[in-house]
Amino acid sequence: RERTPTTLKVQVPTDASTGELFGVENPSGRALASGPFTLLLPASITSFDPPRGLPGVTVTLTGANFQAGDELWLGTRPLEIERLSARTIVATLPKNAVPAKSQHRRGKTVVDFATPFVVLAPPRLTDFAPASGPATTRVTLTGTGFTEATRVSYGDRTLKVLARSGDPSITVMIPPDIGDATFTVTTEAGTTR
């Protein structure tokens, strides 16, 4: 693009790959650079395994163009990187991880994951209503950490979930022919009573 007798200024093509040598050619001959050009390509994440987990879980990210100094963040918490190669990062979620935006950071460049990592929180049952009633009473359990896969038991019987209202509540029916018992809520993240 610009040249002087001792300098050439060129633009790297968009389809260039890292590690290539620059060469200069004129009627007198050809010369190659003494070393390869390192192209700084942005990192891309194609998948992570597992896609969800509890705080403290180890996650393997697969993608391209990872390099030393890359960081992974979950909201305001950095992940501890155990291994890093050009195509793989193995990292551990912090013990205090909470659901938040997942990001790859390199210097001042921040890229949000297209699909965020899902941090599972153990279920917590905070209330149920009504507090009493006959068999076949519909009871709404309220809490946190409920998922689509949440299972509810009353004593040793698994109950059919009749309705879900997002994370905060699940409605079930007390089965006939059962006495007083305790509700148990189970998700892939744990169990609570």
N, C-alpha and C. Protein backbone atom coordinates (compact mmCIF):
# COMPACT_ATOMS: atom_id res chain seq x y z
N ARG A 1 0.82 -1.19 0.00
CA ARG A 1 0.00 0.00 0.00
C ARG A 1 0.87 1.26 0.00
N GLU A 2 1.92 1.25 0.77
CA GLU A 2 2.87 2.37 0.77
C GLU A 2 4.26 1.77 0.63
N ARG A 3 5.14 2.48 -0.06
CA ARG A 3 6.49 1.96 -0.17
C ARG A 3 7.50 3.09 -0.32
N THR A 4 8.67 2.79 0.19
CA THR A 4 9.85 3.64 0.03
C THR A 4 10.95 2.69 -0.43
N PRO A 5 12.13 3.17 -0.74
CA PRO A 5 13.19 2.25 -1.15
C PRO A 5 13.54 1.19 -0.09
N THR A 6 13.20 1.46 1.21
CA THR A 6 13.58 0.50 2.26
C THR A 6 12.38 -0.04 3.05
N THR A 7 11.18 0.41 2.74
CA THR A 7 10.02 0.01 3.53
C THR A 7 8.82 -0.28 2.65
N LEU A 8 8.09 -1.32 2.99
CA LEU A 8 6.80 -1.61 2.36
C LEU A 8 5.75 -1.69 3.46
N LYS A 9 4.62 -1.05 3.25
CA LYS A 9 3.51 -1.14 4.20
C LYS A 9 2.38 -1.83 3.45
N VAL A 10 1.95 -2.99 3.97
CA VAL A 10 0.93 -3.79 3.29
C VAL A 10 -0.21 -4.12 4.27
N GLN A 11 -1.30 -4.55 3.71
CA GLN A 11 -2.42 -5.00 4.53
C GLN A 11 -2.49 -6.52 4.45
N VAL A 12 -2.61 -7.15 5.61
CA VAL A 12 -2.69 -8.60 5.65
C VAL A 12 -4.06 -9.02 5.10
N PRO A 13 -4.11 -9.97 4.17
CA PRO A 13 -5.39 -10.41 3.61
C PRO A 13 -6.30 -11.02 4.67
N THR A 14 -7.58 -10.91 4.49
CA THR A 14 -8.53 -11.43 5.48
C THR A 14 -8.49 -12.96 5.57
N ASP A 15 -8.03 -13.63 4.54
CA ASP A 15 -7.98 -15.10 4.57
C ASP A 15 -6.58 -15.62 4.94
N ALA A 16 -5.71 -14.75 5.44
CA ALA A 16 -4.35 -15.17 5.82
C ALA A 16 -4.42 -16.05 7.06
N SER A 17 -3.40 -16.90 7.22
CA SER A 17 -3.32 -17.71 8.43
C SER A 17 -2.00 -17.41 9.11
N THR A 18 -1.97 -17.66 10.41
CA THR A 18 -0.78 -17.35 11.18
C THR A 18 0.37 -18.27 10.80
N GLY A 19 1.59 -17.79 10.98
CA GLY A 19 2.77 -18.60 10.71
C GLY A 19 3.30 -18.49 9.29
N GLU A 20 2.68 -17.68 8.46
CA GLU A 20 3.16 -17.54 7.08
C GLU A 20 4.32 -16.54 7.03
N LEU A 21 5.17 -16.70 6.00
CA LEU A 21 6.30 -15.79 5.81
C LEU A 21 5.93 -14.71 4.81
N PHE A 22 6.39 -13.50 5.09
CA PHE A 22 6.25 -12.44 4.11
C PHE A 22 7.37 -12.59 3.09
N GLY A 23 7.05 -12.35 1.84
CA GLY A 23 8.06 -12.40 0.80
C GLY A 23 7.99 -11.14 -0.06
N VAL A 24 9.12 -10.73 -0.58
CA VAL A 24 9.20 -9.56 -1.46
C VAL A 24 9.88 -10.03 -2.75
N GLU A 25 9.31 -9.60 -3.87
CA GLU A 25 9.86 -10.02 -5.16
C GLU A 25 9.98 -8.80 -6.07
N ASN A 26 11.09 -8.73 -6.76
CA ASN A 26 11.28 -7.68 -7.76
C ASN A 26 12.11 -8.27 -8.90
N PRO A 27 12.43 -7.51 -9.93
CA PRO A 27 13.19 -8.07 -11.07
C PRO A 27 14.54 -8.65 -10.66
N SER A 28 15.09 -8.21 -9.53
CA SER A 28 16.40 -8.71 -9.12
C SER A 28 16.32 -10.04 -8.36
N GLY A 29 15.13 -10.45 -7.91
CA GLY A 29 15.02 -11.71 -7.17
C GLY A 29 13.91 -11.68 -6.14
N ARG A 30 13.99 -12.63 -5.22
CA ARG A 30 12.96 -12.81 -4.20
C ARG A 30 13.63 -12.96 -2.84
N ALA A 31 12.99 -12.38 -1.80
CA ALA A 31 13.49 -12.50 -0.44
C ALA A 31 12.32 -12.81 0.49
N LEU A 32 12.59 -13.68 1.48
CA LEU A 32 11.58 -14.02 2.49
C LEU A 32 11.98 -13.42 3.82
N ALA A 33 10.98 -13.11 4.63
CA ALA A 33 11.24 -12.60 5.98
C ALA A 33 11.98 -13.66 6.78
N SER A 34 12.73 -13.23 7.79
CA SER A 34 13.54 -14.16 8.57
C SER A 34 12.69 -15.03 9.49
N GLY A 35 11.46 -14.63 9.76
CA GLY A 35 10.59 -15.42 10.64
C GLY A 35 9.14 -15.26 10.25
N PRO A 36 8.28 -16.15 10.74
CA PRO A 36 6.87 -16.08 10.37
C PRO A 36 6.16 -14.90 11.02
N PHE A 37 5.11 -14.47 10.37
CA PHE A 37 4.26 -13.41 10.90
C PHE A 37 3.21 -14.06 11.80
N THR A 38 3.06 -13.56 13.01
CA THR A 38 2.06 -14.09 13.93
C THR A 38 0.79 -13.27 13.79
N LEU A 39 -0.22 -13.90 13.27
CA LEU A 39 -1.51 -13.24 13.07
C LEU A 39 -2.34 -13.40 14.33
N LEU A 40 -2.80 -12.29 14.89
CA LEU A 40 -3.58 -12.33 16.12
C LEU A 40 -5.05 -12.52 15.76
N LEU A 41 -5.49 -13.76 15.76
CA LEU A 41 -6.86 -14.09 15.40
C LEU A 41 -7.74 -14.08 16.65
N PRO A 42 -8.98 -13.63 16.53
CA PRO A 42 -9.86 -13.65 17.70
C PRO A 42 -10.21 -15.08 18.07
N ALA A 43 -10.36 -15.33 19.34
CA ALA A 43 -10.75 -16.65 19.81
C ALA A 43 -12.21 -16.91 19.45
N SER A 44 -12.51 -18.16 19.20
CA SER A 44 -13.91 -18.54 18.99
C SER A 44 -14.19 -19.80 19.78
N ILE A 45 -15.34 -19.84 20.42
CA ILE A 45 -15.74 -20.99 21.23
C ILE A 45 -16.87 -21.70 20.51
N THR A 46 -16.67 -22.99 20.23
CA THR A 46 -17.69 -23.75 19.51
C THR A 46 -18.53 -24.61 20.45
N SER A 47 -17.95 -25.04 21.58
CA SER A 47 -18.73 -25.84 22.53
C SER A 47 -18.04 -25.87 23.88
N PHE A 48 -18.81 -26.26 24.90
CA PHE A 48 -18.22 -26.52 26.20
C PHE A 48 -18.92 -27.74 26.80
N ASP A 49 -18.12 -28.51 27.55
CA ASP A 49 -18.61 -29.76 28.10
C ASP A 49 -18.15 -29.89 29.54
N PRO A 50 -19.07 -30.06 30.47
CA PRO A 50 -20.50 -30.11 30.28
C PRO A 50 -21.06 -28.72 30.03
N PRO A 51 -22.29 -28.61 29.48
CA PRO A 51 -22.88 -27.29 29.23
C PRO A 51 -23.48 -26.65 30.47
N ARG A 52 -23.53 -27.41 31.56
CA ARG A 52 -24.09 -26.90 32.82
C ARG A 52 -23.48 -27.67 33.97
N GLY A 53 -23.45 -27.05 35.14
CA GLY A 53 -22.87 -27.75 36.28
C GLY A 53 -22.90 -26.90 37.53
N LEU A 54 -22.52 -27.53 38.62
CA LEU A 54 -22.47 -26.88 39.92
C LEU A 54 -21.19 -26.06 40.06
N PRO A 55 -21.16 -25.09 40.96
CA PRO A 55 -19.91 -24.39 41.24
C PRO A 55 -18.81 -25.41 41.58
N GLY A 56 -17.61 -25.17 41.07
CA GLY A 56 -16.48 -26.05 41.30
C GLY A 56 -16.28 -27.10 40.22
N VAL A 57 -17.21 -27.19 39.25
CA VAL A 57 -17.09 -28.19 38.19
C VAL A 57 -15.99 -27.78 37.21
N THR A 58 -15.34 -28.78 36.61
CA THR A 58 -14.33 -28.54 35.58
C THR A 58 -15.01 -28.59 34.22
N VAL A 59 -14.74 -27.59 33.38
CA VAL A 59 -15.38 -27.44 32.07
C VAL A 59 -14.30 -27.44 30.99
N THR A 60 -14.56 -28.14 29.88
CA THR A 60 -13.65 -28.14 28.74
C THR A 60 -14.29 -27.34 27.61
N LEU A 61 -13.64 -26.26 27.20
CA LEU A 61 -14.12 -25.44 26.08
C LEU A 61 -13.34 -25.82 24.84
N THR A 62 -14.05 -25.97 23.74
CA THR A 62 -13.42 -26.29 22.46
C THR A 62 -13.66 -25.13 21.53
N GLY A 63 -12.67 -24.81 20.72
CA GLY A 63 -12.80 -23.69 19.79
C GLY A 63 -11.54 -23.53 18.97
N ALA A 64 -11.17 -22.29 18.74
CA ALA A 64 -9.98 -22.01 17.93
C ALA A 64 -9.33 -20.72 18.40
N ASN A 65 -8.04 -20.63 18.16
CA ASN A 65 -7.25 -19.41 18.38
C ASN A 65 -7.11 -19.01 19.84
N PHE A 66 -7.13 -19.97 20.76
CA PHE A 66 -6.86 -19.66 22.16
C PHE A 66 -5.36 -19.43 22.29
N GLN A 67 -4.98 -18.57 23.25
CA GLN A 67 -3.55 -18.32 23.45
C GLN A 67 -3.27 -17.96 24.89
N ALA A 68 -2.01 -18.05 25.27
CA ALA A 68 -1.60 -17.72 26.63
C ALA A 68 -2.09 -16.32 26.97
N GLY A 69 -2.58 -16.17 28.19
CA GLY A 69 -3.09 -14.88 28.63
C GLY A 69 -4.60 -14.76 28.48
N ASP A 70 -5.25 -15.68 27.75
CA ASP A 70 -6.70 -15.65 27.64
C ASP A 70 -7.31 -15.89 29.02
N GLU A 71 -8.47 -15.28 29.25
CA GLU A 71 -9.18 -15.44 30.52
C GLU A 71 -10.63 -15.81 30.24
N LEU A 72 -11.22 -16.56 31.16
CA LEU A 72 -12.64 -16.88 31.11
C LEU A 72 -13.28 -16.32 32.37
N TRP A 73 -14.45 -15.70 32.19
CA TRP A 73 -15.14 -15.07 33.31
C TRP A 73 -16.59 -15.52 33.32
N LEU A 74 -17.15 -15.61 34.51
CA LEU A 74 -18.56 -15.85 34.72
C LEU A 74 -19.04 -14.68 35.55
N GLY A 75 -19.65 -13.70 34.87
CA GLY A 75 -20.01 -12.45 35.55
C GLY A 75 -18.75 -11.75 36.01
N THR A 76 -18.64 -11.51 37.32
CA THR A 76 -17.47 -10.81 37.87
C THR A 76 -16.43 -11.77 38.44
N ARG A 77 -16.62 -13.07 38.20
CA ARG A 77 -15.73 -14.08 38.78
C ARG A 77 -14.90 -14.76 37.69
N PRO A 78 -13.56 -14.74 37.81
CA PRO A 78 -12.73 -15.43 36.83
C PRO A 78 -12.75 -16.94 37.08
N LEU A 79 -12.60 -17.71 36.01
CA LEU A 79 -12.46 -19.16 36.12
C LEU A 79 -10.98 -19.49 36.20
N GLU A 80 -10.64 -20.51 36.94
CA GLU A 80 -9.24 -20.93 37.03
C GLU A 80 -8.94 -21.80 35.83
N ILE A 81 -8.00 -21.35 35.00
CA ILE A 81 -7.62 -22.12 33.80
C ILE A 81 -6.56 -23.13 34.20
N GLU A 82 -6.87 -24.42 33.97
CA GLU A 82 -5.95 -25.50 34.31
C GLU A 82 -5.04 -25.86 33.15
N ARG A 83 -5.62 -25.89 31.92
CA ARG A 83 -4.84 -26.19 30.72
C ARG A 83 -5.36 -25.33 29.58
N LEU A 84 -4.43 -24.95 28.70
CA LEU A 84 -4.81 -24.11 27.57
C LEU A 84 -3.98 -24.51 26.36
N SER A 85 -4.64 -24.77 25.24
CA SER A 85 -3.95 -25.00 23.97
C SER A 85 -4.66 -24.15 22.93
N ALA A 86 -4.22 -24.18 21.70
CA ALA A 86 -4.83 -23.36 20.65
C ALA A 86 -6.30 -23.71 20.42
N ARG A 87 -6.70 -24.95 20.73
CA ARG A 87 -8.08 -25.39 20.46
C ARG A 87 -8.89 -25.78 21.69
N THR A 88 -8.25 -25.82 22.87
CA THR A 88 -8.95 -26.29 24.07
C THR A 88 -8.54 -25.48 25.29
N ILE A 89 -9.53 -25.18 26.13
CA ILE A 89 -9.28 -24.59 27.45
C ILE A 89 -10.01 -25.47 28.46
N VAL A 90 -9.29 -25.90 29.50
CA VAL A 90 -9.91 -26.62 30.61
C VAL A 90 -9.87 -25.68 31.81
N ALA A 91 -11.05 -25.40 32.37
CA ALA A 91 -11.14 -24.43 33.46
C ALA A 91 -12.11 -24.93 34.53
N THR A 92 -11.97 -24.36 35.72
CA THR A 92 -12.83 -24.72 36.85
C THR A 92 -13.65 -23.52 37.28
N LEU A 93 -14.96 -23.76 37.46
CA LEU A 93 -15.83 -22.70 37.96
C LEU A 93 -15.49 -22.40 39.40
N PRO A 94 -15.56 -21.13 39.81
CA PRO A 94 -15.31 -20.79 41.21
C PRO A 94 -16.35 -21.45 42.12
N LYS A 95 -15.96 -21.72 43.35
CA LYS A 95 -16.88 -22.34 44.32
C LYS A 95 -18.09 -21.45 44.60
N ASN A 96 -17.93 -20.14 44.42
CA ASN A 96 -19.03 -19.20 44.68
C ASN A 96 -19.71 -18.74 43.39
N ALA A 97 -19.60 -19.55 42.32
CA ALA A 97 -20.19 -19.16 41.03
C ALA A 97 -21.71 -19.08 41.13
N VAL A 98 -22.25 -18.10 40.44
CA VAL A 98 -23.70 -17.93 40.34
C VAL A 98 -24.03 -17.74 38.86
N PRO A 99 -25.27 -17.96 38.46
CA PRO A 99 -25.62 -17.73 37.05
C PRO A 99 -25.28 -16.30 36.64
N ALA A 100 -24.56 -16.17 35.54
CA ALA A 100 -24.14 -14.85 35.05
C ALA A 100 -23.68 -14.99 33.61
N LYS A 101 -23.39 -13.87 33.00
CA LYS A 101 -22.89 -13.83 31.62
C LYS A 101 -21.52 -14.52 31.55
N SER A 102 -21.35 -15.39 30.54
CA SER A 102 -20.08 -16.09 30.33
C SER A 102 -19.27 -15.32 29.29
N GLN A 103 -17.97 -15.07 29.59
CA GLN A 103 -17.15 -14.26 28.69
C GLN A 103 -15.75 -14.83 28.50
N HIS A 104 -15.20 -14.58 27.30
CA HIS A 104 -13.78 -14.82 27.00
C HIS A 104 -13.15 -13.44 26.94
N ARG A 105 -12.02 -13.26 27.63
CA ARG A 105 -11.34 -11.97 27.62
C ARG A 105 -9.89 -12.15 27.21
N ARG A 106 -9.45 -11.22 26.35
CA ARG A 106 -8.05 -11.16 25.93
C ARG A 106 -7.70 -9.69 25.91
N GLY A 107 -6.91 -9.28 26.90
CA GLY A 107 -6.59 -7.84 27.00
C GLY A 107 -7.87 -7.06 27.18
N LYS A 108 -8.10 -6.06 26.30
CA LYS A 108 -9.31 -5.24 26.39
C LYS A 108 -10.46 -5.79 25.56
N THR A 109 -10.22 -6.91 24.86
CA THR A 109 -11.27 -7.51 24.02
C THR A 109 -12.09 -8.49 24.85
N VAL A 110 -13.39 -8.26 24.90
CA VAL A 110 -14.30 -9.11 25.67
C VAL A 110 -15.36 -9.65 24.72
N VAL A 111 -15.52 -10.97 24.70
CA VAL A 111 -16.51 -11.61 23.84
C VAL A 111 -17.43 -12.46 24.70
N ASP A 112 -18.75 -12.19 24.62
CA ASP A 112 -19.73 -12.99 25.34
C ASP A 112 -19.92 -14.33 24.64
N PHE A 113 -20.10 -15.40 25.40
CA PHE A 113 -20.41 -16.70 24.82
C PHE A 113 -21.75 -16.59 24.12
N ALA A 114 -21.89 -17.18 22.94
CA ALA A 114 -23.17 -17.17 22.24
C ALA A 114 -24.22 -17.91 23.07
N THR A 115 -23.81 -19.00 23.69
CA THR A 115 -24.68 -19.75 24.61
C THR A 115 -23.97 -19.76 25.95
N PRO A 116 -24.57 -19.17 26.99
CA PRO A 116 -23.87 -19.10 28.26
C PRO A 116 -23.80 -20.46 28.97
N PHE A 117 -22.77 -20.63 29.79
CA PHE A 117 -22.68 -21.80 30.64
C PHE A 117 -23.76 -21.66 31.71
N VAL A 118 -24.47 -22.75 32.00
CA VAL A 118 -25.55 -22.72 32.99
C VAL A 118 -25.01 -23.21 34.33
N VAL A 119 -24.98 -22.30 35.30
CA VAL A 119 -24.55 -22.66 36.64
C VAL A 119 -25.77 -23.18 37.39
N LEU A 120 -25.67 -24.40 37.87
CA LEU A 120 -26.78 -24.99 38.61
C LEU A 120 -26.68 -24.60 40.07
N ALA A 121 -27.82 -24.29 40.65
CA ALA A 121 -27.88 -24.00 42.07
C ALA A 121 -28.69 -25.11 42.72
N PRO A 122 -28.22 -25.63 43.84
CA PRO A 122 -29.02 -26.65 44.51
C PRO A 122 -30.42 -26.10 44.80
N PRO A 123 -31.44 -26.95 44.74
CA PRO A 123 -32.79 -26.46 44.99
C PRO A 123 -32.96 -26.05 46.45
N ARG A 124 -33.84 -25.11 46.65
CA ARG A 124 -34.14 -24.63 48.01
C ARG A 124 -35.64 -24.46 48.10
N LEU A 125 -36.28 -25.18 49.00
CA LEU A 125 -37.73 -25.08 49.23
C LEU A 125 -37.95 -24.08 50.34
N THR A 126 -38.60 -22.96 50.01
CA THR A 126 -38.79 -21.91 51.01
C THR A 126 -40.20 -21.89 51.61
N ASP A 127 -41.18 -22.42 50.88
CA ASP A 127 -42.56 -22.37 51.39
C ASP A 127 -43.44 -23.31 50.58
N PHE A 128 -44.57 -23.67 51.12
CA PHE A 128 -45.60 -24.36 50.36
C PHE A 128 -46.95 -23.93 50.90
N ALA A 129 -47.94 -23.90 49.99
CA ALA A 129 -49.28 -23.44 50.39
C ALA A 129 -50.32 -24.19 49.55
N PRO A 130 -51.43 -24.56 50.19
CA PRO A 130 -51.75 -24.36 51.60
C PRO A 130 -50.90 -25.27 52.48
N ALA A 131 -50.89 -24.94 53.77
CA ALA A 131 -50.08 -25.70 54.73
C ALA A 131 -50.76 -26.98 55.16
N SER A 132 -52.05 -27.13 54.87
CA SER A 132 -52.76 -28.36 55.23
C SER A 132 -53.95 -28.54 54.30
N GLY A 133 -54.47 -29.77 54.28
CA GLY A 133 -55.62 -30.06 53.44
C GLY A 133 -55.80 -31.55 53.29
N PRO A 134 -56.92 -31.97 52.74
CA PRO A 134 -57.17 -33.40 52.55
C PRO A 134 -56.38 -33.94 51.35
N ALA A 135 -56.44 -35.26 51.18
CA ALA A 135 -55.84 -35.88 50.01
C ALA A 135 -56.42 -35.23 48.76
N THR A 136 -55.67 -35.18 47.70
CA THR A 136 -55.97 -34.54 46.41
C THR A 136 -55.91 -33.01 46.46
N THR A 137 -55.44 -32.45 47.58
CA THR A 137 -55.23 -31.00 47.64
C THR A 137 -54.08 -30.62 46.72
N ARG A 138 -54.26 -29.57 45.95
CA ARG A 138 -53.17 -29.03 45.12
C ARG A 138 -52.33 -28.11 46.00
N VAL A 139 -51.02 -28.36 45.98
CA VAL A 139 -50.09 -27.59 46.81
C VAL A 139 -49.06 -26.93 45.91
N THR A 140 -48.81 -25.65 46.14
CA THR A 140 -47.79 -24.92 45.39
C THR A 140 -46.55 -24.79 46.26
N LEU A 141 -45.44 -25.33 45.75
CA LEU A 141 -44.15 -25.25 46.45
C LEU A 141 -43.38 -24.08 45.86
N THR A 142 -42.81 -23.26 46.71
CA THR A 142 -42.05 -22.09 46.28
C THR A 142 -40.61 -22.23 46.74
N GLY A 143 -39.68 -21.78 45.88
CA GLY A 143 -38.27 -21.86 46.25
C GLY A 143 -37.39 -21.35 45.13
N THR A 144 -36.17 -21.84 45.12
CA THR A 144 -35.20 -21.46 44.08
C THR A 144 -34.48 -22.70 43.60
N GLY A 145 -33.86 -22.59 42.41
CA GLY A 145 -33.09 -23.69 41.86
C GLY A 145 -33.95 -24.75 41.19
N PHE A 146 -35.25 -24.46 40.98
CA PHE A 146 -36.12 -25.42 40.30
C PHE A 146 -35.82 -25.37 38.81
N THR A 147 -35.84 -26.54 38.16
CA THR A 147 -35.60 -26.62 36.72
C THR A 147 -36.72 -27.43 36.09
N GLU A 148 -36.66 -27.58 34.78
CA GLU A 148 -37.66 -28.40 34.08
C GLU A 148 -37.59 -29.86 34.52
N ALA A 149 -36.44 -30.28 35.00
CA ALA A 149 -36.27 -31.67 35.41
C ALA A 149 -36.51 -31.88 36.90
N THR A 150 -37.06 -30.89 37.60
CA THR A 150 -37.29 -31.01 39.04
C THR A 150 -38.29 -32.12 39.34
N ARG A 151 -37.93 -32.96 40.32
CA ARG A 151 -38.84 -34.00 40.79
C ARG A 151 -39.26 -33.67 42.22
N VAL A 152 -40.54 -33.95 42.52
CA VAL A 152 -41.08 -33.69 43.85
C VAL A 152 -41.62 -34.99 44.42
N SER A 153 -41.25 -35.26 45.68
CA SER A 153 -41.77 -36.43 46.38
C SER A 153 -42.48 -35.96 47.63
N TYR A 154 -43.48 -36.76 48.05
CA TYR A 154 -44.18 -36.54 49.31
C TYR A 154 -44.04 -37.86 50.05
N GLY A 155 -43.22 -37.85 51.09
CA GLY A 155 -42.85 -39.11 51.72
C GLY A 155 -42.04 -39.92 50.72
N ASP A 156 -42.45 -41.17 50.48
CA ASP A 156 -41.71 -42.00 49.53
C ASP A 156 -42.39 -42.05 48.16
N ARG A 157 -43.40 -41.22 47.94
CA ARG A 157 -44.11 -41.20 46.65
C ARG A 157 -43.67 -40.03 45.79
N THR A 158 -43.35 -40.33 44.53
CA THR A 158 -43.02 -39.29 43.57
C THR A 158 -44.33 -38.70 43.04
N LEU A 159 -44.41 -37.38 43.04
CA LEU A 159 -45.63 -36.68 42.62
C LEU A 159 -45.50 -36.17 41.19
N LYS A 160 -46.62 -36.15 40.51
CA LYS A 160 -46.66 -35.56 39.17
C LYS A 160 -46.71 -34.04 39.33
N VAL A 161 -45.86 -33.36 38.57
CA VAL A 161 -45.88 -31.89 38.60
C VAL A 161 -47.01 -31.44 37.69
N LEU A 162 -47.96 -30.70 38.26
CA LEU A 162 -49.14 -30.25 37.52
C LEU A 162 -48.90 -28.92 36.82
N ALA A 163 -48.08 -28.06 37.42
CA ALA A 163 -47.82 -26.74 36.83
C ALA A 163 -46.47 -26.24 37.31
N ARG A 164 -45.84 -25.46 36.45
CA ARG A 164 -44.57 -24.81 36.78
C ARG A 164 -44.72 -23.33 36.51
N SER A 165 -44.13 -22.54 37.39
CA SER A 165 -44.12 -21.10 37.18
C SER A 165 -42.69 -20.63 37.25
N GLY A 166 -41.90 -21.05 36.25
CA GLY A 166 -40.49 -20.66 36.22
C GLY A 166 -39.73 -21.22 37.39
N ASP A 167 -38.74 -20.49 37.89
CA ASP A 167 -37.91 -20.94 39.00
C ASP A 167 -38.66 -20.91 40.32
N PRO A 168 -39.58 -19.96 40.53
CA PRO A 168 -40.08 -19.82 41.89
C PRO A 168 -41.10 -20.84 42.37
N SER A 169 -41.88 -21.51 41.50
CA SER A 169 -42.91 -22.39 42.06
C SER A 169 -43.27 -23.57 41.18
N ILE A 170 -43.75 -24.63 41.87
CA ILE A 170 -44.22 -25.87 41.24
C ILE A 170 -45.50 -26.26 41.97
N THR A 171 -46.49 -26.72 41.21
CA THR A 171 -47.74 -27.17 41.81
C THR A 171 -47.86 -28.68 41.65
N VAL A 172 -48.20 -29.36 42.77
CA VAL A 172 -48.38 -30.81 42.79
C VAL A 172 -49.69 -31.12 43.51
N MET A 173 -50.10 -32.39 43.50
CA MET A 173 -51.31 -32.79 44.22
C MET A 173 -50.95 -33.87 45.23
N ILE A 174 -51.49 -33.73 46.47
CA ILE A 174 -51.26 -34.73 47.51
C ILE A 174 -52.01 -36.00 47.10
N PRO A 175 -51.33 -37.14 47.07
CA PRO A 175 -52.00 -38.36 46.63
C PRO A 175 -53.00 -38.87 47.67
N PRO A 176 -53.98 -39.65 47.21
CA PRO A 176 -54.91 -40.25 48.17
C PRO A 176 -54.20 -41.35 48.96
N ASP A 177 -54.78 -41.74 50.07
CA ASP A 177 -54.26 -42.85 50.89
C ASP A 177 -52.84 -42.62 51.37
N ILE A 178 -52.53 -41.43 51.81
CA ILE A 178 -51.20 -41.16 52.38
C ILE A 178 -51.38 -40.27 53.60
N GLY A 179 -50.57 -40.49 54.58
CA GLY A 179 -50.64 -39.68 55.80
C GLY A 179 -49.73 -38.47 55.69
N ASP A 180 -49.45 -37.89 56.85
CA ASP A 180 -48.54 -36.75 56.88
C ASP A 180 -47.15 -37.19 56.40
N ALA A 181 -46.53 -36.34 55.63
CA ALA A 181 -45.19 -36.64 55.11
C ALA A 181 -44.47 -35.33 54.83
N THR A 182 -43.25 -35.46 54.36
CA THR A 182 -42.42 -34.29 54.06
C THR A 182 -42.21 -34.20 52.55
N PHE A 183 -42.24 -32.96 52.03
CA PHE A 183 -41.93 -32.74 50.62
C PHE A 183 -40.42 -32.82 50.43
N THR A 184 -40.00 -33.44 49.33
CA THR A 184 -38.59 -33.48 48.92
C THR A 184 -38.52 -32.99 47.48
N VAL A 185 -37.64 -32.03 47.23
CA VAL A 185 -37.45 -31.50 45.88
C VAL A 185 -36.06 -31.90 45.42
N THR A 186 -35.99 -32.53 44.23
CA THR A 186 -34.73 -33.01 43.70
C THR A 186 -34.49 -32.48 42.30
N THR A 187 -33.29 -31.98 42.06
CA THR A 187 -32.86 -31.56 40.72
C THR A 187 -31.51 -32.20 40.47
N GLU A 188 -30.94 -31.99 39.30
CA GLU A 188 -29.61 -32.53 39.03
C GLU A 188 -28.55 -31.87 39.92
N ALA A 189 -28.92 -30.77 40.58
CA ALA A 189 -27.96 -30.07 41.44
C ALA A 189 -28.05 -30.49 42.89
N GLY A 190 -29.05 -31.30 43.26
CA GLY A 190 -29.15 -31.72 44.64
C GLY A 190 -30.57 -31.95 45.09
N THR A 191 -30.73 -32.12 46.40
CA THR A 191 -32.03 -32.42 47.01
C THR A 191 -32.23 -31.53 48.22
N THR A 192 -33.48 -31.13 48.44
CA THR A 192 -33.82 -30.34 49.62
C THR A 192 -35.16 -30.81 50.16
N ARG A 193 -35.39 -30.58 51.44
CA ARG A 193 -36.68 -30.90 52.10
C ARG A 193 -37.27 -29.65 52.68
